[in-house]
Amino acid sequence: MLTIDKIIDNKNGLFKLEGRLDTNTSRDLSAAFEETLPQLDTLTLDFEKLDYISSAGLRVILFAINTMEDKSQKVKVLHANDSIVEVLELTGFADDLDLE
C-alpha cells in the first residue's frame, strides 16, 4: 500500500510517500506525476515514511527525473532511509537526484 500526500504551492510540488512503492502501487504515483509535473518548476519527494522501493517504483522516479531535467531542475529527495539510499546509489539514480 502507498499513500501519496501531494502538496502544490504555486509551481512547487511536494510529494510525501508512505508505505511501499512497488509494482502494485507505482501506477498511482505515475498517474499523480503525469497530471501534476507539467505544471511544476520544482519537485521534492519526501521519503520519510517510504519503506520500500522496487524497480517499478524506480521507473516512476526516472519519469520524474527526466521530466524535471527538461526544465533544468533536479528532483529533491528528503529523508530517505539507508536501504532506499543504497538502492538509489547502486542503480545510479542518486547521481540525478538531490538527496538530502
C-alpha atoms as a PDB file:
ATOM      1  CA  MET A   1       0.000   0.000   0.000  1.00  0.00           C
ATOM      2  CA  LEU A   2       1.176   3.523  -0.817  1.00  0.00           C
ATOM      3  CA  THR A   3      -0.211   6.779   0.497  1.00  0.00           C
ATOM      4  CA  ILE A   4       0.583   9.879  -1.545  1.00  0.00           C
ATOM      5  CA  ASP A   5       0.198  13.277   0.078  1.00  0.00           C
ATOM      6  CA  LYS A   6       0.563  15.840  -2.693  1.00  0.00           C
ATOM      7  CA  ILE A   7       1.132  19.479  -1.725  1.00  0.00           C
ATOM      8  CA  ILE A   8       1.313  22.055  -4.511  1.00  0.00           C
ATOM      9  CA  ASP A   9       2.338  25.616  -3.672  1.00  0.00           C
ATOM     10  CA  ASN A  10       2.418  27.783  -6.793  1.00  0.00           C
ATOM     11  CA  LYS A  11       4.719  25.792  -9.086  1.00  0.00           C
ATOM     12  CA  ASN A  12       6.467  23.865  -6.305  1.00  0.00           C
ATOM     13  CA  GLY A  13       5.417  20.281  -5.681  1.00  0.00           C
ATOM     14  CA  LEU A  14       5.988  18.197  -2.573  1.00  0.00           C
ATOM     15  CA  PHE A  15       5.012  14.521  -2.653  1.00  0.00           C
ATOM     16  CA  LYS A  16       5.095  12.745   0.711  1.00  0.00           C
ATOM     17  CA  LEU A  17       5.115   8.985   0.200  1.00  0.00           C
ATOM     18  CA  GLU A  18       4.205   6.446   2.855  1.00  0.00           C
ATOM     19  CA  GLY A  19       4.387   2.667   2.510  1.00  0.00           C
ATOM     20  CA  ARG A  20       5.741   0.675  -0.418  1.00  0.00           C
ATOM     21  CA  LEU A  21       6.464   1.930  -3.929  1.00  0.00           C
ATOM     22  CA  ASP A  22       6.300  -1.286  -5.939  1.00  0.00           C
ATOM     23  CA  THR A  23       4.583  -2.918  -8.918  1.00  0.00           C
ATOM     24  CA  ASN A  24       1.162  -2.660  -7.293  1.00  0.00           C
ATOM     25  CA  THR A  25       1.441   0.977  -6.243  1.00  0.00           C
ATOM     26  CA  SER A  26       3.705   2.605  -8.822  1.00  0.00           C
ATOM     27  CA  ARG A  27       0.753   3.234 -11.146  1.00  0.00           C
ATOM     28  CA  ASP A  28      -0.804   5.543  -8.548  1.00  0.00           C
ATOM     29  CA  LEU A  29       2.323   7.669  -8.298  1.00  0.00           C
ATOM     30  CA  SER A  30       2.750   7.628 -12.064  1.00  0.00           C
ATOM     31  CA  ALA A  31      -0.785   8.962 -12.529  1.00  0.00           C
ATOM     32  CA  ALA A  32      -0.180  11.683  -9.931  1.00  0.00           C
ATOM     33  CA  PHE A  33       3.061  12.698 -11.674  1.00  0.00           C
ATOM     34  CA  GLU A  34       1.519  12.718 -15.149  1.00  0.00           C
ATOM     35  CA  GLU A  35      -1.224  15.111 -14.087  1.00  0.00           C
ATOM     36  CA  THR A  36       0.989  17.354 -11.948  1.00  0.00           C
ATOM     37  CA  LEU A  37       4.590  17.505 -13.208  1.00  0.00           C
ATOM     38  CA  PRO A  38       3.898  19.564 -16.337  1.00  0.00           C
ATOM     39  CA  GLN A  39       2.722  22.427 -14.088  1.00  0.00           C
ATOM     40  CA  LEU A  40       5.704  22.338 -11.706  1.00  0.00           C
ATOM     41  CA  ASP A  41       9.011  24.189 -11.636  1.00  0.00           C
ATOM     42  CA  THR A  42      10.354  22.177  -8.674  1.00  0.00           C
ATOM     43  CA  LEU A  43       9.668  18.699  -7.341  1.00  0.00           C
ATOM     44  CA  THR A  44      10.505  17.408  -3.870  1.00  0.00           C
ATOM     45  CA  LEU A  45       9.882  13.824  -2.778  1.00  0.00           C
ATOM     46  CA  ASP A  46       9.683  13.159   0.951  1.00  0.00           C
ATOM     47  CA  PHE A  47      10.590   9.518   1.603  1.00  0.00           C
ATOM     48  CA  GLU A  48      10.493   9.746   5.403  1.00  0.00           C
ATOM     49  CA  LYS A  49       7.725   7.142   5.604  1.00  0.00           C
ATOM     50  CA  LEU A  50       8.606   5.177   2.469  1.00  0.00           C
ATOM     51  CA  ASP A  51       9.625   1.656   3.497  1.00  0.00           C
ATOM     52  CA  TYR A  52      10.488   0.065   0.165  1.00  0.00           C
ATOM     53  CA  ILE A  53      11.098   0.876  -3.498  1.00  0.00           C
ATOM     54  CA  SER A  54      11.160  -1.700  -6.321  1.00  0.00           C
ATOM     55  CA  SER A  55      12.299  -1.448  -9.933  1.00  0.00           C
ATOM     56  CA  ALA A  56       8.745  -0.439 -10.885  1.00  0.00           C
ATOM     57  CA  GLY A  57       8.985   2.414  -8.402  1.00  0.00           C
ATOM     58  CA  LEU A  58      12.368   3.391  -9.806  1.00  0.00           C
ATOM     59  CA  ARG A  59      10.840   3.650 -13.293  1.00  0.00           C
ATOM     60  CA  VAL A  60       8.311   6.171 -11.970  1.00  0.00           C
ATOM     61  CA  ILE A  61      11.109   8.142 -10.292  1.00  0.00           C
ATOM     62  CA  LEU A  62      13.025   8.053 -13.606  1.00  0.00           C
ATOM     63  CA  PHE A  63       9.994   9.581 -15.326  1.00  0.00           C
ATOM     64  CA  ALA A  64      10.059  12.413 -12.769  1.00  0.00           C
ATOM     65  CA  ILE A  65      13.820  12.881 -13.172  1.00  0.00           C
ATOM     66  CA  ASN A  66      13.514  13.108 -16.956  1.00  0.00           C
ATOM     67  CA  THR A  67      10.553  15.472 -16.792  1.00  0.00           C
ATOM     68  CA  MET A  68      12.287  17.826 -14.389  1.00  0.00           C
ATOM     69  CA  GLU A  69      15.610  17.636 -16.290  1.00  0.00           C
ATOM     70  CA  ASP A  70      13.735  19.010 -19.306  1.00  0.00           C
ATOM     71  CA  LYS A  71      13.142  22.061 -17.077  1.00  0.00           C
ATOM     72  CA  SER A  72      16.807  22.091 -15.958  1.00  0.00           C
ATOM     73  CA  GLN A  73      15.799  21.043 -12.437  1.00  0.00           C
ATOM     74  CA  LYS A  74      16.825  18.126 -10.246  1.00  0.00           C
ATOM     75  CA  VAL A  75      14.326  16.183  -8.199  1.00  0.00           C
ATOM     76  CA  LYS A  76      14.991  16.666  -4.495  1.00  0.00           C
ATOM     77  CA  VAL A  77      14.608  13.666  -2.172  1.00  0.00           C
ATOM     78  CA  LEU A  78      14.225  14.186   1.557  1.00  0.00           C
ATOM     79  CA  HIS A  79      14.510  11.755   4.469  1.00  0.00           C
ATOM     80  CA  ALA A  80      15.232   8.543   2.536  1.00  0.00           C
ATOM     81  CA  ASN A  81      16.156   5.642   4.806  1.00  0.00           C
ATOM     82  CA  ASP A  82      19.504   3.871   4.426  1.00  0.00           C
ATOM     83  CA  SER A  83      18.170   0.961   2.360  1.00  0.00           C
ATOM     84  CA  ILE A  84      16.440   3.266  -0.137  1.00  0.00           C
ATOM     85  CA  VAL A  85      19.549   5.468  -0.395  1.00  0.00           C
ATOM     86  CA  GLU A  86      21.571   2.319  -1.073  1.00  0.00           C
ATOM     87  CA  VAL A  87      19.191   1.289  -3.889  1.00  0.00           C
ATOM     88  CA  LEU A  88      19.363   4.793  -5.384  1.00  0.00           C
ATOM     89  CA  GLU A  89      23.165   4.766  -5.214  1.00  0.00           C
ATOM     90  CA  LEU A  90      23.599   1.228  -6.602  1.00  0.00           C
ATOM     91  CA  THR A  91      21.311   1.957  -9.547  1.00  0.00           C
ATOM     92  CA  GLY A  92      22.932   5.318 -10.323  1.00  0.00           C
ATOM     93  CA  PHE A  93      19.752   7.253  -9.569  1.00  0.00           C
ATOM     94  CA  ALA A  94      21.499   9.170  -6.786  1.00  0.00           C
ATOM     95  CA  ASP A  95      23.595  10.960  -9.433  1.00  0.00           C
ATOM     96  CA  ASP A  96      20.445  12.504 -10.912  1.00  0.00           C
ATOM     97  CA  LEU A  97      18.767  13.366  -7.604  1.00  0.00           C
ATOM     98  CA  ASP A  98      19.418  15.971  -4.962  1.00  0.00           C
ATOM     99  CA  LEU A  99      19.488  13.726  -1.869  1.00  0.00           C
ATOM    100  CA  GLU A 100      19.069  15.457   1.475  1.00  0.00           C
END
